[in-house]
Amino acid sequence: MSSPAATSLSDGRAAVRSITMPDSLRKLIRLLLGLAIAAVIWEGAVLLFGIRPYYLPRLSAILMAMAATPRAYVDGFLRTLAETLIGFASGGAFGVLMGVVFFRVRALREMVFPIFVVSQTIPVIAFGALVVLWFGNTLLAKAIIAFYLTFFPVTVNTLLGLETVDLRQVDLMRSFGASNGQLLLRLQLPTALPQIFVALRLAASLSLVGAIVGEWFGDTTGLGVLLLQAMFTENVVAIWGALLASALLGTGFYAVVAAVERRLVFWNAEQ
């Protein structure tokens, strides 16, 4: 029979556990705290060391400049986000598909994969000029440039991941009558998922780079347009504003991909 003091102590511990913050909320608070500390250091360093605005403006000045023209940044953010998402999704899907095809058909891999490798030696600026010439200054053209930077790492990592599958597991599933499709969906792709997501996290950044570079060839909306306009007018504050908006988009996109990875590849996170 437990004493009243022990019962009270256990009730107190249960109450503490019930009000403990979730891990996601704790991480969010740490992130916001880190950003606040970085902002204070930035602002304080500029004032303390007398850094000229031409090299590094105060963060408050950048944020006020962005707040003065919010529509331009919101429209640019959304346009670049759309280009990035389309390029990322199509490039990721195409990369996984080609990785599976190359894994299944070795002859096709030997014929086509070298062409993929050669395609990646073409500078994105040169490829972007050709794409814009073909499709004009459209959202599709920018998405194609993002696709160009995305599909290759996903293809390579999908192929690498599929080749790590244990052949004994394949033989075991075949002994139970598993078809090629069942092998792919239930064993091979799940085994390759950690490798695939390594490439997808990289592609999240590359697709944004492709979208912004594509906007440099001529457009009216987008973060790349804001950056180019600021460079032409030598508006350092506006350059930093475009950089901050791009960093926000890139970081947020990367975080979403990483969150999806934690959900789908939960066994990898537990190791």
C-alpha atoms as a PDB file:
ATOM      1  CA  MET A   1       0.000   0.000   0.000  1.00  0.00           C
ATOM      2  CA  SER A   2       1.548   3.285  -1.108  1.00  0.00           C
ATOM      3  CA  SER A   3       1.860   6.238   1.198  1.00  0.00           C
ATOM      4  CA  PRO A   4       0.066   9.570   0.547  1.00  0.00           C
ATOM      5  CA  ALA A   5       3.468  11.229  -0.077  1.00  0.00           C
ATOM      6  CA  ALA A   6       4.412   8.689  -2.762  1.00  0.00           C
ATOM      7  CA  THR A   7       0.997   9.050  -4.405  1.00  0.00           C
ATOM      8  CA  SER A   8       1.348  12.828  -4.423  1.00  0.00           C
ATOM      9  CA  LEU A   9       4.830  12.580  -5.912  1.00  0.00           C
ATOM     10  CA  SER A  10       3.668  10.245  -8.716  1.00  0.00           C
ATOM     11  CA  ASP A  11       0.718  12.538  -9.458  1.00  0.00           C
ATOM     12  CA  GLY A  12       3.107  15.477  -9.700  1.00  0.00           C
ATOM     13  CA  ARG A  13       5.367  13.642 -12.133  1.00  0.00           C
ATOM     14  CA  ALA A  14       2.355  12.695 -14.257  1.00  0.00           C
ATOM     15  CA  ALA A  15       1.264  16.330 -14.317  1.00  0.00           C
ATOM     16  CA  VAL A  16       4.732  17.449 -15.423  1.00  0.00           C
ATOM     17  CA  ARG A  17       4.722  14.867 -18.224  1.00  0.00           C
ATOM     18  CA  SER A  18       1.281  16.019 -19.360  1.00  0.00           C
ATOM     19  CA  ILE A  19       2.415  19.632 -19.768  1.00  0.00           C
ATOM     20  CA  THR A  20       5.731  18.799 -21.428  1.00  0.00           C
ATOM     21  CA  MET A  21       6.039  20.546 -24.789  1.00  0.00           C
ATOM     22  CA  PRO A  22       5.981  18.406 -27.944  1.00  0.00           C
ATOM     23  CA  ASP A  23       9.304  17.995 -29.724  1.00  0.00           C
ATOM     24  CA  SER A  24       8.070  19.933 -32.762  1.00  0.00           C
ATOM     25  CA  LEU A  25       7.126  22.929 -30.614  1.00  0.00           C
ATOM     26  CA  ARG A  26      10.426  22.768 -28.750  1.00  0.00           C
ATOM     27  CA  LYS A  27      12.351  22.732 -32.047  1.00  0.00           C
ATOM     28  CA  LEU A  28      10.322  25.657 -33.337  1.00  0.00           C
ATOM     29  CA  ILE A  29      11.077  27.689 -30.213  1.00  0.00           C
ATOM     30  CA  ARG A  30      14.787  26.903 -30.539  1.00  0.00           C
ATOM     31  CA  LEU A  31      14.710  27.928 -34.188  1.00  0.00           C
ATOM     32  CA  LEU A  32      12.994  31.224 -33.434  1.00  0.00           C
ATOM     33  CA  LEU A  33      15.379  31.872 -30.561  1.00  0.00           C
ATOM     34  CA  GLY A  34      18.359  31.173 -32.831  1.00  0.00           C
ATOM     35  CA  LEU A  35      17.005  33.537 -35.485  1.00  0.00           C
ATOM     36  CA  ALA A  36      16.447  36.243 -32.886  1.00  0.00           C
ATOM     37  CA  ILE A  37      20.011  35.883 -31.586  1.00  0.00           C
ATOM     38  CA  ALA A  38      21.385  36.005 -35.155  1.00  0.00           C
ATOM     39  CA  ALA A  39      19.329  39.134 -35.861  1.00  0.00           C
ATOM     40  CA  VAL A  40      20.629  40.872 -32.739  1.00  0.00           C
ATOM     41  CA  ILE A  41      24.228  39.935 -33.595  1.00  0.00           C
ATOM     42  CA  TRP A  42      23.775  41.215 -37.163  1.00  0.00           C
ATOM     43  CA  GLU A  43      22.289  44.524 -36.067  1.00  0.00           C
ATOM     44  CA  GLY A  44      24.763  44.984 -33.242  1.00  0.00           C
ATOM     45  CA  ALA A  45      27.828  44.118 -35.352  1.00  0.00           C
ATOM     46  CA  VAL A  46      26.921  46.695 -38.023  1.00  0.00           C
ATOM     47  CA  LEU A  47      26.475  49.415 -35.396  1.00  0.00           C
ATOM     48  CA  LEU A  48      29.430  48.404 -33.238  1.00  0.00           C
ATOM     49  CA  PHE A  49      32.000  48.085 -36.003  1.00  0.00           C
ATOM     50  CA  GLY A  50      30.606  50.852 -38.171  1.00  0.00           C
ATOM     51  CA  ILE A  51      30.202  48.636 -41.235  1.00  0.00           C
ATOM     52  CA  ARG A  52      29.238  50.665 -44.278  1.00  0.00           C
ATOM     53  CA  PRO A  53      25.762  49.918 -45.688  1.00  0.00           C
ATOM     54  CA  TYR A  54      27.357  49.272 -49.079  1.00  0.00           C
ATOM     55  CA  TYR A  55      28.914  46.104 -47.621  1.00  0.00           C
ATOM     56  CA  LEU A  56      26.365  45.077 -45.021  1.00  0.00           C
ATOM     57  CA  PRO A  57      23.216  47.097 -44.253  1.00  0.00           C
ATOM     58  CA  ARG A  58      21.475  46.849 -40.912  1.00  0.00           C
ATOM     59  CA  LEU A  59      18.899  44.079 -40.760  1.00  0.00           C
ATOM     60  CA  SER A  60      16.277  46.542 -39.605  1.00  0.00           C
ATOM     61  CA  ALA A  61      16.894  48.683 -42.703  1.00  0.00           C
ATOM     62  CA  ILE A  62      16.468  45.635 -44.946  1.00  0.00           C
ATOM     63  CA  LEU A  63      13.244  44.578 -43.247  1.00  0.00           C
ATOM     64  CA  MET A  64      11.840  48.113 -43.429  1.00  0.00           C
ATOM     65  CA  ALA A  65      12.660  48.284 -47.147  1.00  0.00           C
ATOM     66  CA  MET A  66      10.870  44.967 -47.684  1.00  0.00           C
ATOM     67  CA  ALA A  67       7.890  46.176 -45.665  1.00  0.00           C
ATOM     68  CA  ALA A  68       7.714  49.342 -47.798  1.00  0.00           C
ATOM     69  CA  THR A  69       7.071  47.265 -50.951  1.00  0.00           C
ATOM     70  CA  PRO A  70       5.534  44.027 -49.668  1.00  0.00           C
ATOM     71  CA  ARG A  71       3.588  43.244 -52.836  1.00  0.00           C
ATOM     72  CA  ALA A  72       6.740  42.915 -54.950  1.00  0.00           C
ATOM     73  CA  TYR A  73       8.295  40.449 -52.507  1.00  0.00           C
ATOM     74  CA  VAL A  74       5.099  38.432 -52.006  1.00  0.00           C
ATOM     75  CA  ASP A  75       4.459  38.147 -55.746  1.00  0.00           C
ATOM     76  CA  GLY A  76       8.108  37.302 -56.400  1.00  0.00           C
ATOM     77  CA  PHE A  77       8.118  34.713 -53.621  1.00  0.00           C
ATOM     78  CA  LEU A  78       4.990  32.983 -54.918  1.00  0.00           C
ATOM     79  CA  ARG A  79       6.155  33.004 -58.545  1.00  0.00           C
ATOM     80  CA  THR A  80       9.559  31.530 -57.704  1.00  0.00           C
ATOM     81  CA  LEU A  81       7.899  29.013 -55.380  1.00  0.00           C
ATOM     82  CA  ALA A  82       5.628  27.819 -58.193  1.00  0.00           C
ATOM     83  CA  GLU A  83       8.556  27.428 -60.595  1.00  0.00           C
ATOM     84  CA  THR A  84      10.572  25.602 -57.954  1.00  0.00           C
ATOM     85  CA  LEU A  85       7.767  23.218 -57.006  1.00  0.00           C
ATOM     86  CA  ILE A  86       6.974  22.270 -60.599  1.00  0.00           C
ATOM     87  CA  GLY A  87      10.627  21.684 -61.445  1.00  0.00           C
ATOM     88  CA  PHE A  88      11.269  19.783 -58.222  1.00  0.00           C
ATOM     89  CA  ALA A  89       8.210  17.540 -58.502  1.00  0.00           C
ATOM     90  CA  SER A  90       8.709  16.701 -62.175  1.00  0.00           C
ATOM     91  CA  GLY A  91      12.472  16.274 -61.794  1.00  0.00           C
ATOM     92  CA  GLY A  92      12.092  14.093 -58.712  1.00  0.00           C
ATOM     93  CA  ALA A  93       9.452  11.866 -60.329  1.00  0.00           C
ATOM     94  CA  PHE A  94      11.457  11.566 -63.543  1.00  0.00           C
ATOM     95  CA  GLY A  95      14.640  10.815 -61.613  1.00  0.00           C
ATOM     96  CA  VAL A  96      13.029   8.013 -59.588  1.00  0.00           C
ATOM     97  CA  LEU A  97      11.468   6.574 -62.741  1.00  0.00           C
ATOM     98  CA  MET A  98      14.747   6.600 -64.650  1.00  0.00           C
ATOM     99  CA  GLY A  99      16.587   5.127 -61.672  1.00  0.00           C
ATOM    100  CA  VAL A 100      14.145   2.199 -61.635  1.00  0.00           C
ATOM    101  CA  VAL A 101      14.392   1.772 -65.413  1.00  0.00           C
ATOM    102  CA  PHE A 102      18.194   1.816 -65.337  1.00  0.00           C
ATOM    103  CA  PHE A 103      18.139  -0.709 -62.491  1.00  0.00           C
ATOM    104  CA  ARG A 104      15.855  -3.067 -64.383  1.00  0.00           C
ATOM    105  CA  VAL A 105      17.296  -2.644 -67.914  1.00  0.00           C
ATOM    106  CA  ARG A 106      21.073  -2.651 -67.801  1.00  0.00           C
ATOM    107  CA  ALA A 107      21.450  -2.239 -71.574  1.00  0.00           C
ATOM    108  CA  LEU A 108      19.417   0.953 -71.478  1.00  0.00           C
ATOM    109  CA  ARG A 109      21.516   2.194 -68.579  1.00  0.00           C
ATOM    110  CA  GLU A 110      24.702   1.704 -70.560  1.00  0.00           C
ATOM    111  CA  MET A 111      23.245   3.579 -73.537  1.00  0.00           C
ATOM    112  CA  VAL A 112      21.359   6.465 -71.893  1.00  0.00           C
ATOM    113  CA  PHE A 113      23.114   7.104 -68.580  1.00  0.00           C
ATOM    114  CA  PRO A 114      26.273   8.515 -70.249  1.00  0.00           C
ATOM    115  CA  ILE A 115      24.019  11.010 -72.051  1.00  0.00           C
ATOM    116  CA  PHE A 116      22.642  12.097 -68.674  1.00  0.00           C
ATOM    117  CA  VAL A 117      26.186  12.587 -67.412  1.00  0.00           C
ATOM    118  CA  VAL A 118      27.140  14.669 -70.447  1.00  0.00           C
ATOM    119  CA  SER A 119      24.006  16.790 -70.043  1.00  0.00           C
ATOM    120  CA  GLN A 120      25.137  17.805 -66.568  1.00  0.00           C
ATOM    121  CA  THR A 121      28.396  19.219 -67.934  1.00  0.00           C
ATOM    122  CA  ILE A 122      26.431  21.938 -69.760  1.00  0.00           C
ATOM    123  CA  PRO A 123      26.444  25.126 -67.635  1.00  0.00           C
ATOM    124  CA  VAL A 124      22.973  26.004 -66.414  1.00  0.00           C
ATOM    125  CA  ILE A 125      23.360  29.501 -67.879  1.00  0.00           C
ATOM    126  CA  ALA A 126      23.871  28.062 -71.367  1.00  0.00           C
ATOM    127  CA  PHE A 127      21.046  25.568 -70.978  1.00  0.00           C
ATOM    128  CA  GLY A 128      18.761  28.258 -69.566  1.00  0.00           C
ATOM    129  CA  ALA A 129      19.369  30.522 -72.548  1.00  0.00           C
ATOM    130  CA  LEU A 130      18.331  27.730 -74.896  1.00  0.00           C
ATOM    131  CA  VAL A 131      15.206  26.863 -72.898  1.00  0.00           C
ATOM    132  CA  VAL A 132      14.059  30.492 -72.747  1.00  0.00           C
ATOM    133  CA  LEU A 133      14.656  30.765 -76.494  1.00  0.00           C
ATOM    134  CA  TRP A 134      12.414  27.746 -77.074  1.00  0.00           C
ATOM    135  CA  PHE A 135       9.624  28.432 -74.556  1.00  0.00           C
ATOM    136  CA  GLY A 136       9.895  32.183 -73.974  1.00  0.00           C
ATOM    137  CA  ASN A 137       9.897  33.945 -70.614  1.00  0.00           C
ATOM    138  CA  THR A 138       7.214  31.703 -69.173  1.00  0.00           C
ATOM    139  CA  LEU A 139       6.734  29.837 -65.933  1.00  0.00           C
ATOM    140  CA  LEU A 140       7.220  26.592 -67.878  1.00  0.00           C
ATOM    141  CA  ALA A 141      10.680  27.650 -69.050  1.00  0.00           C
ATOM    142  CA  LYS A 142      11.828  28.393 -65.493  1.00  0.00           C
ATOM    143  CA  ALA A 143      10.369  25.094 -64.264  1.00  0.00           C
ATOM    144  CA  ILE A 144      12.269  23.215 -66.990  1.00  0.00           C
ATOM    145  CA  ILE A 145      15.535  24.779 -65.829  1.00  0.00           C
ATOM    146  CA  ALA A 146      14.713  23.713 -62.257  1.00  0.00           C
ATOM    147  CA  PHE A 147      13.903  20.232 -63.609  1.00  0.00           C
ATOM    148  CA  TYR A 148      17.279  20.141 -65.362  1.00  0.00           C
ATOM    149  CA  LEU A 149      19.144  20.626 -62.075  1.00  0.00           C
ATOM    150  CA  THR A 150      16.908  18.219 -60.169  1.00  0.00           C
ATOM    151  CA  PHE A 151      16.506  14.983 -62.097  1.00  0.00           C
ATOM    152  CA  PHE A 152      20.141  13.831 -62.295  1.00  0.00           C
ATOM    153  CA  PRO A 153      21.009  13.524 -58.570  1.00  0.00           C
ATOM    154  CA  VAL A 154      17.669  11.816 -57.956  1.00  0.00           C
ATOM    155  CA  THR A 155      18.344   9.353 -60.787  1.00  0.00           C
ATOM    156  CA  VAL A 156      21.811   8.515 -59.477  1.00  0.00           C
ATOM    157  CA  ASN A 157      20.736   8.085 -55.859  1.00  0.00           C
ATOM    158  CA  THR A 158      17.692   6.016 -56.795  1.00  0.00           C
ATOM    159  CA  LEU A 159      19.932   3.676 -58.763  1.00  0.00           C
ATOM    160  CA  LEU A 160      22.442   3.475 -55.909  1.00  0.00           C
ATOM    161  CA  GLY A 161      19.701   2.780 -53.397  1.00  0.00           C
ATOM    162  CA  LEU A 162      18.135   0.031 -55.487  1.00  0.00           C
ATOM    163  CA  GLU A 163      21.504  -1.663 -55.883  1.00  0.00           C
ATOM    164  CA  THR A 164      21.882  -1.915 -52.088  1.00  0.00           C
ATOM    165  CA  VAL A 165      18.939  -4.308 -51.796  1.00  0.00           C
ATOM    166  CA  ASP A 166      19.941  -7.603 -50.177  1.00  0.00           C
ATOM    167  CA  LEU A 167      19.658 -10.351 -52.797  1.00  0.00           C
ATOM    168  CA  ARG A 168      18.746 -12.855 -50.093  1.00  0.00           C
ATOM    169  CA  GLN A 169      15.635 -10.821 -49.325  1.00  0.00           C
ATOM    170  CA  VAL A 170      14.791 -10.770 -53.024  1.00  0.00           C
ATOM    171  CA  ASP A 171      15.154 -14.560 -53.209  1.00  0.00           C
ATOM    172  CA  LEU A 172      13.003 -14.959 -50.108  1.00  0.00           C
ATOM    173  CA  MET A 173      10.179 -12.852 -51.538  1.00  0.00           C
ATOM    174  CA  ARG A 174      10.394 -14.650 -54.866  1.00  0.00           C
ATOM    175  CA  SER A 175      10.106 -17.964 -53.030  1.00  0.00           C
ATOM    176  CA  PHE A 176       6.737 -16.729 -51.733  1.00  0.00           C
ATOM    177  CA  GLY A 177       5.637 -15.874 -55.268  1.00  0.00           C
ATOM    178  CA  ALA A 178       6.245 -12.110 -55.275  1.00  0.00           C
ATOM    179  CA  SER A 179       6.031 -10.467 -58.688  1.00  0.00           C
ATOM    180  CA  ASN A 180       8.462  -7.856 -59.998  1.00  0.00           C
ATOM    181  CA  GLY A 181       5.981  -5.110 -59.132  1.00  0.00           C
ATOM    182  CA  GLN A 182       5.586  -6.383 -55.571  1.00  0.00           C
ATOM    183  CA  LEU A 183       9.356  -6.622 -55.208  1.00  0.00           C
ATOM    184  CA  LEU A 184       9.706  -3.026 -56.350  1.00  0.00           C
ATOM    185  CA  LEU A 185       6.978  -1.566 -54.137  1.00  0.00           C
ATOM    186  CA  ARG A 186       7.497  -3.642 -51.002  1.00  0.00           C
ATOM    187  CA  LEU A 187      11.250  -4.173 -50.891  1.00  0.00           C
ATOM    188  CA  GLN A 188      13.370  -2.308 -53.421  1.00  0.00           C
ATOM    189  CA  LEU A 189      11.885   1.209 -53.260  1.00  0.00           C
ATOM    190  CA  PRO A 190      11.540   1.195 -49.439  1.00  0.00           C
ATOM    191  CA  THR A 191      15.190   0.100 -49.208  1.00  0.00           C
ATOM    192  CA  ALA A 192      16.230   2.882 -51.604  1.00  0.00           C
ATOM    193  CA  LEU A 193      14.166   5.612 -49.887  1.00  0.00           C
ATOM    194  CA  PRO A 194      16.986   6.888 -47.622  1.00  0.00           C
ATOM    195  CA  GLN A 195      19.242   7.373 -50.658  1.00  0.00           C
ATOM    196  CA  ILE A 196      16.421   8.924 -52.661  1.00  0.00           C
ATOM    197  CA  PHE A 197      15.699  11.480 -49.958  1.00  0.00           C
ATOM    198  CA  VAL A 198      19.358  12.442 -49.764  1.00  0.00           C
ATOM    199  CA  ALA A 199      19.021  13.486 -53.404  1.00  0.00           C
ATOM    200  CA  LEU A 200      15.623  15.134 -52.850  1.00  0.00           C
ATOM    201  CA  ARG A 201      17.031  17.324 -50.086  1.00  0.00           C
ATOM    202  CA  LEU A 202      19.812  18.379 -52.435  1.00  0.00           C
ATOM    203  CA  ALA A 203      17.293  18.873 -55.236  1.00  0.00           C
ATOM    204  CA  ALA A 204      15.210  21.173 -53.032  1.00  0.00           C
ATOM    205  CA  SER A 205      18.066  23.676 -53.138  1.00  0.00           C
ATOM    206  CA  LEU A 206      19.052  23.012 -56.747  1.00  0.00           C
ATOM    207  CA  SER A 207      15.520  23.510 -58.050  1.00  0.00           C
ATOM    208  CA  LEU A 208      15.386  26.930 -56.370  1.00  0.00           C
ATOM    209  CA  VAL A 209      18.712  27.850 -57.960  1.00  0.00           C
ATOM    210  CA  GLY A 210      17.379  26.788 -61.348  1.00  0.00           C
ATOM    211  CA  ALA A 211      14.225  28.871 -60.969  1.00  0.00           C
ATOM    212  CA  ILE A 212      16.125  31.998 -59.928  1.00  0.00           C
ATOM    213  CA  VAL A 213      18.717  31.620 -62.691  1.00  0.00           C
ATOM    214  CA  GLY A 214      15.916  31.155 -65.209  1.00  0.00           C
ATOM    215  CA  GLU A 215      14.366  34.456 -64.137  1.00  0.00           C
ATOM    216  CA  TRP A 216      17.595  36.253 -64.987  1.00  0.00           C
ATOM    217  CA  PHE A 217      16.935  35.722 -68.693  1.00  0.00           C
ATOM    218  CA  GLY A 218      13.968  38.041 -68.541  1.00  0.00           C
ATOM    219  CA  ASP A 219      10.774  38.130 -66.553  1.00  0.00           C
ATOM    220  CA  THR A 220       8.589  40.589 -64.682  1.00  0.00           C
ATOM    221  CA  THR A 221       8.026  38.686 -61.430  1.00  0.00           C
ATOM    222  CA  GLY A 222      10.193  36.514 -59.222  1.00  0.00           C
ATOM    223  CA  LEU A 223      12.936  36.689 -56.632  1.00  0.00           C
ATOM    224  CA  GLY A 224      15.533  36.416 -59.395  1.00  0.00           C
ATOM    225  CA  VAL A 225      13.996  39.463 -61.061  1.00  0.00           C
ATOM    226  CA  LEU A 226      14.139  41.439 -57.806  1.00  0.00           C
ATOM    227  CA  LEU A 227      17.765  40.443 -57.352  1.00  0.00           C
ATOM    228  CA  LEU A 228      18.708  41.396 -60.903  1.00  0.00           C
ATOM    229  CA  GLN A 229      16.938  44.753 -60.697  1.00  0.00           C
ATOM    230  CA  ALA A 230      18.672  45.550 -57.427  1.00  0.00           C
ATOM    231  CA  MET A 231      22.044  44.660 -58.938  1.00  0.00           C
ATOM    232  CA  PHE A 232      21.497  46.944 -61.930  1.00  0.00           C
ATOM    233  CA  THR A 233      20.547  49.880 -59.697  1.00  0.00           C
ATOM    234  CA  GLU A 234      23.263  49.005 -57.123  1.00  0.00           C
ATOM    235  CA  ASN A 235      20.609  48.976 -54.411  1.00  0.00           C
ATOM    236  CA  VAL A 236      22.431  46.949 -51.755  1.00  0.00           C
ATOM    237  CA  VAL A 237      19.472  46.932 -49.365  1.00  0.00           C
ATOM    238  CA  ALA A 238      17.213  45.507 -52.071  1.00  0.00           C
ATOM    239  CA  ILE A 239      19.843  42.878 -52.931  1.00  0.00           C
ATOM    240  CA  TRP A 240      19.897  41.733 -49.330  1.00  0.00           C
ATOM    241  CA  GLY A 241      16.088  41.779 -49.267  1.00  0.00           C
ATOM    242  CA  ALA A 242      15.956  39.432 -52.256  1.00  0.00           C
ATOM    243  CA  LEU A 243      18.619  37.228 -50.655  1.00  0.00           C
ATOM    244  CA  LEU A 244      16.652  36.983 -47.413  1.00  0.00           C
ATOM    245  CA  ALA A 245      13.459  36.111 -49.270  1.00  0.00           C
ATOM    246  CA  SER A 246      15.328  33.450 -51.256  1.00  0.00           C
ATOM    247  CA  ALA A 247      16.865  32.063 -48.073  1.00  0.00           C
ATOM    248  CA  LEU A 248      13.424  31.883 -46.466  1.00  0.00           C
ATOM    249  CA  LEU A 249      12.029  30.008 -49.454  1.00  0.00           C
ATOM    250  CA  GLY A 250      14.983  27.627 -49.687  1.00  0.00           C
ATOM    251  CA  THR A 251      15.068  26.891 -45.963  1.00  0.00           C
ATOM    252  CA  GLY A 252      11.326  26.344 -45.768  1.00  0.00           C
ATOM    253  CA  PHE A 253      11.319  24.051 -48.783  1.00  0.00           C
ATOM    254  CA  TYR A 254      14.245  22.029 -47.426  1.00  0.00           C
ATOM    255  CA  ALA A 255      12.489  21.725 -44.052  1.00  0.00           C
ATOM    256  CA  VAL A 256       9.330  20.387 -45.700  1.00  0.00           C
ATOM    257  CA  VAL A 257      11.290  17.744 -47.629  1.00  0.00           C
ATOM    258  CA  ALA A 258      13.161  16.766 -44.452  1.00  0.00           C
ATOM    259  CA  ALA A 259       9.859  16.501 -42.541  1.00  0.00           C
ATOM    260  CA  VAL A 260       8.401  14.232 -45.225  1.00  0.00           C
ATOM    261  CA  GLU A 261      11.558  12.125 -45.038  1.00  0.00           C
ATOM    262  CA  ARG A 262      11.177  11.698 -41.276  1.00  0.00           C
ATOM    263  CA  ARG A 263       7.600  10.527 -41.810  1.00  0.00           C
ATOM    264  CA  LEU A 264       8.307   8.083 -44.634  1.00  0.00           C
ATOM    265  CA  VAL A 265      11.774   6.841 -43.655  1.00  0.00           C
ATOM    266  CA  PHE A 266      11.054   6.532 -39.944  1.00  0.00           C
ATOM    267  CA  TRP A 267      13.177   3.385 -39.579  1.00  0.00           C
ATOM    268  CA  ASN A 268      16.239   5.296 -40.762  1.00  0.00           C
ATOM    269  CA  ALA A 269      15.710   8.022 -38.145  1.00  0.00           C
ATOM    270  CA  GLU A 270      15.541   5.437 -35.382  1.00  0.00           C
ATOM    271  CA  GLN A 271      18.987   4.029 -36.188  1.00  0.00           C
END
